[in-house]
Amino acid sequence: MTCLFAPSLSDLLLWIDNNLDKKLTVDDLSDISGYSPWHLFRLFRHYFDRSPMEYIRQQRMSLCCRLLLTTPGYRIVDICMMVGYDDLSAFNRTFKKYHALTPTQYRYQITRQK
């Protein structure tokens, strides 16, 4: 697979994926990458058509869907914590915004389709 981004941006994306369980801020990303917050915003808009925080939310929701599918024994609150949310209500709102279902409804729907 060919890297389409600057090496430090590729490293940052990998770092984000490995730290989705933590509270992440643009300042954290700036410190890790060496880019200013403003420059990070421009890079993410250019490559992903979203802000750095929107990118992180999208990655978290992707991980959440994989976990809901592959870990049926985990409670929703456990998955919530595993993807970096410490507030179940905020997690449910964000998930519903992305998928038009609550995590519980999503899990039920995907397990029913198997």
C-alpha atoms as a PDB file:
ATOM      1  CA  MET A   1       0.000   0.000   0.000  1.00  0.00           C
ATOM      2  CA  THR A   2       1.434   3.351  -1.019  1.00  0.00           C
ATOM      3  CA  CYS A   3       1.386   6.211   1.466  1.00  0.00           C
ATOM      4  CA  LEU A   4      -0.518   9.200   0.088  1.00  0.00           C
ATOM      5  CA  PHE A   5       0.357  11.524   2.971  1.00  0.00           C
ATOM      6  CA  ALA A   6       3.475  13.083   4.413  1.00  0.00           C
ATOM      7  CA  PRO A   7       5.255  10.507   6.620  1.00  0.00           C
ATOM      8  CA  SER A   8       4.523  12.444   9.793  1.00  0.00           C
ATOM      9  CA  LEU A   9       0.811  12.584   8.924  1.00  0.00           C
ATOM     10  CA  SER A  10       0.790   8.826   8.292  1.00  0.00           C
ATOM     11  CA  ASP A  11       2.465   8.325  11.664  1.00  0.00           C
ATOM     12  CA  LEU A  12      -0.134  10.582  13.270  1.00  0.00           C
ATOM     13  CA  LEU A  13      -3.010   8.585  11.752  1.00  0.00           C
ATOM     14  CA  LEU A  14      -1.511   5.382  13.120  1.00  0.00           C
ATOM     15  CA  TRP A  15      -1.055   7.046  16.518  1.00  0.00           C
ATOM     16  CA  ILE A  16      -4.713   8.160  16.474  1.00  0.00           C
ATOM     17  CA  ASP A  17      -5.871   4.612  15.683  1.00  0.00           C
ATOM     18  CA  ASN A  18      -3.765   3.256  18.539  1.00  0.00           C
ATOM     19  CA  ASN A  19      -5.098   5.818  21.021  1.00  0.00           C
ATOM     20  CA  LEU A  20      -8.822   5.946  20.295  1.00  0.00           C
ATOM     21  CA  ASP A  21      -9.512   4.818  23.859  1.00  0.00           C
ATOM     22  CA  LYS A  22      -8.011   8.046  25.231  1.00  0.00           C
ATOM     23  CA  LYS A  23      -9.340  11.583  25.363  1.00  0.00           C
ATOM     24  CA  LEU A  24      -7.680  13.229  22.354  1.00  0.00           C
ATOM     25  CA  THR A  25      -7.430  16.921  21.542  1.00  0.00           C
ATOM     26  CA  VAL A  26      -6.076  18.897  18.620  1.00  0.00           C
ATOM     27  CA  ASP A  27      -3.305  20.071  20.954  1.00  0.00           C
ATOM     28  CA  ASP A  28      -2.340  16.418  21.546  1.00  0.00           C
ATOM     29  CA  LEU A  29      -2.230  15.841  17.799  1.00  0.00           C
ATOM     30  CA  SER A  30      -0.172  18.982  17.345  1.00  0.00           C
ATOM     31  CA  ASP A  31       2.328  17.883  19.990  1.00  0.00           C
ATOM     32  CA  ILE A  32       2.656  14.408  18.465  1.00  0.00           C
ATOM     33  CA  SER A  33       2.940  15.535  14.844  1.00  0.00           C
ATOM     34  CA  GLY A  34       4.837  18.794  15.174  1.00  0.00           C
ATOM     35  CA  TYR A  35       2.195  20.540  13.055  1.00  0.00           C
ATOM     36  CA  SER A  36       0.438  23.608  14.415  1.00  0.00           C
ATOM     37  CA  PRO A  37      -3.265  23.130  15.221  1.00  0.00           C
ATOM     38  CA  TRP A  38      -4.129  25.421  12.311  1.00  0.00           C
ATOM     39  CA  HIS A  39      -1.969  23.423   9.880  1.00  0.00           C
ATOM     40  CA  LEU A  40      -3.467  20.149  11.138  1.00  0.00           C
ATOM     41  CA  PHE A  41      -6.931  21.509  10.464  1.00  0.00           C
ATOM     42  CA  ARG A  42      -5.900  22.403   6.896  1.00  0.00           C
ATOM     43  CA  LEU A  43      -4.297  18.983   6.295  1.00  0.00           C
ATOM     44  CA  PHE A  44      -7.315  17.076   7.571  1.00  0.00           C
ATOM     45  CA  ARG A  45      -9.696  19.240   5.538  1.00  0.00           C
ATOM     46  CA  HIS A  46      -7.568  18.667   2.442  1.00  0.00           C
ATOM     47  CA  TYR A  47      -7.128  14.896   2.780  1.00  0.00           C
ATOM     48  CA  PHE A  48     -10.300  13.847   4.613  1.00  0.00           C
ATOM     49  CA  ASP A  49     -12.754  16.709   4.087  1.00  0.00           C
ATOM     50  CA  ARG A  50     -13.275  16.973   7.849  1.00  0.00           C
ATOM     51  CA  SER A  51     -11.640  18.473  10.922  1.00  0.00           C
ATOM     52  CA  PRO A  52      -9.196  16.442  13.019  1.00  0.00           C
ATOM     53  CA  MET A  53     -11.838  15.912  15.722  1.00  0.00           C
ATOM     54  CA  GLU A  54     -14.443  14.850  13.174  1.00  0.00           C
ATOM     55  CA  TYR A  55     -11.894  12.368  11.800  1.00  0.00           C
ATOM     56  CA  ILE A  56     -11.327  10.989  15.312  1.00  0.00           C
ATOM     57  CA  ARG A  57     -15.084  10.650  15.900  1.00  0.00           C
ATOM     58  CA  GLN A  58     -15.421   8.790  12.603  1.00  0.00           C
ATOM     59  CA  GLN A  59     -12.571   6.435  13.527  1.00  0.00           C
ATOM     60  CA  ARG A  60     -14.150   5.826  16.935  1.00  0.00           C
ATOM     61  CA  MET A  61     -17.517   5.027  15.383  1.00  0.00           C
ATOM     62  CA  SER A  62     -15.852   2.620  12.924  1.00  0.00           C
ATOM     63  CA  LEU A  63     -14.073   0.855  15.770  1.00  0.00           C
ATOM     64  CA  CYS A  64     -17.298   0.766  17.747  1.00  0.00           C
ATOM     65  CA  CYS A  65     -19.126  -0.965  14.882  1.00  0.00           C
ATOM     66  CA  ARG A  66     -16.378  -3.572  14.616  1.00  0.00           C
ATOM     67  CA  LEU A  67     -16.513  -4.169  18.372  1.00  0.00           C
ATOM     68  CA  LEU A  68     -20.308  -4.438  18.379  1.00  0.00           C
ATOM     69  CA  LEU A  69     -20.031  -7.072  15.658  1.00  0.00           C
ATOM     70  CA  THR A  70     -17.086  -9.067  17.019  1.00  0.00           C
ATOM     71  CA  THR A  71     -17.533  -8.881  20.801  1.00  0.00           C
ATOM     72  CA  PRO A  72     -21.120  -9.855  21.612  1.00  0.00           C
ATOM     73  CA  GLY A  73     -20.210 -10.473  25.261  1.00  0.00           C
ATOM     74  CA  TYR A  74     -19.117  -6.877  25.832  1.00  0.00           C
ATOM     75  CA  ARG A  75     -21.629  -4.471  27.288  1.00  0.00           C
ATOM     76  CA  ILE A  76     -22.317  -1.221  25.439  1.00  0.00           C
ATOM     77  CA  VAL A  77     -20.767   0.736  28.312  1.00  0.00           C
ATOM     78  CA  ASP A  78     -17.563  -1.331  27.965  1.00  0.00           C
ATOM     79  CA  ILE A  79     -17.365  -0.536  24.267  1.00  0.00           C
ATOM     80  CA  CYS A  80     -18.117   3.100  25.049  1.00  0.00           C
ATOM     81  CA  MET A  81     -14.996   3.237  27.239  1.00  0.00           C
ATOM     82  CA  MET A  82     -12.914   1.290  24.708  1.00  0.00           C
ATOM     83  CA  VAL A  83     -13.538   3.947  22.058  1.00  0.00           C
ATOM     84  CA  GLY A  84     -12.678   6.915  24.252  1.00  0.00           C
ATOM     85  CA  TYR A  85     -16.017   8.022  25.668  1.00  0.00           C
ATOM     86  CA  ASP A  86     -16.524   8.396  29.396  1.00  0.00           C
ATOM     87  CA  ASP A  87     -20.136   9.536  29.052  1.00  0.00           C
ATOM     88  CA  LEU A  88     -22.582   6.898  27.809  1.00  0.00           C
ATOM     89  CA  SER A  89     -25.188   9.521  26.847  1.00  0.00           C
ATOM     90  CA  ALA A  90     -22.718  11.419  24.647  1.00  0.00           C
ATOM     91  CA  PHE A  91     -21.591   8.133  23.134  1.00  0.00           C
ATOM     92  CA  ASN A  92     -25.174   7.100  22.336  1.00  0.00           C
ATOM     93  CA  ARG A  93     -25.947  10.512  20.789  1.00  0.00           C
ATOM     94  CA  THR A  94     -22.840  10.409  18.606  1.00  0.00           C
ATOM     95  CA  PHE A  95     -23.466   6.820  17.538  1.00  0.00           C
ATOM     96  CA  LYS A  96     -27.077   7.603  16.649  1.00  0.00           C
ATOM     97  CA  LYS A  97     -25.956  10.650  14.654  1.00  0.00           C
ATOM     98  CA  TYR A  98     -23.668   8.453  12.541  1.00  0.00           C
ATOM     99  CA  HIS A  99     -25.862   5.355  12.216  1.00  0.00           C
ATOM    100  CA  ALA A 100     -29.467   6.474  12.897  1.00  0.00           C
ATOM    101  CA  LEU A 101     -29.666   3.707  15.529  1.00  0.00           C
ATOM    102  CA  THR A 102     -28.532   3.353  19.116  1.00  0.00           C
ATOM    103  CA  PRO A 103     -25.606   0.965  19.688  1.00  0.00           C
ATOM    104  CA  THR A 104     -28.023  -1.583  21.161  1.00  0.00           C
ATOM    105  CA  GLN A 105     -30.319  -1.366  18.132  1.00  0.00           C
ATOM    106  CA  TYR A 106     -27.316  -1.603  15.792  1.00  0.00           C
ATOM    107  CA  ARG A 107     -25.988  -4.704  17.539  1.00  0.00           C
ATOM    108  CA  TYR A 108     -29.422  -6.321  17.443  1.00  0.00           C
ATOM    109  CA  GLN A 109     -29.804  -5.538  13.746  1.00  0.00           C
ATOM    110  CA  ILE A 110     -26.388  -6.883  12.715  1.00  0.00           C
ATOM    111  CA  THR A 111     -26.702 -10.048  14.792  1.00  0.00           C
ATOM    112  CA  ARG A 112     -30.184 -10.668  13.418  1.00  0.00           C
ATOM    113  CA  GLN A 113     -28.830 -10.431   9.840  1.00  0.00           C
ATOM    114  CA  LYS A 114     -26.262 -13.201  10.402  1.00  0.00           C
END
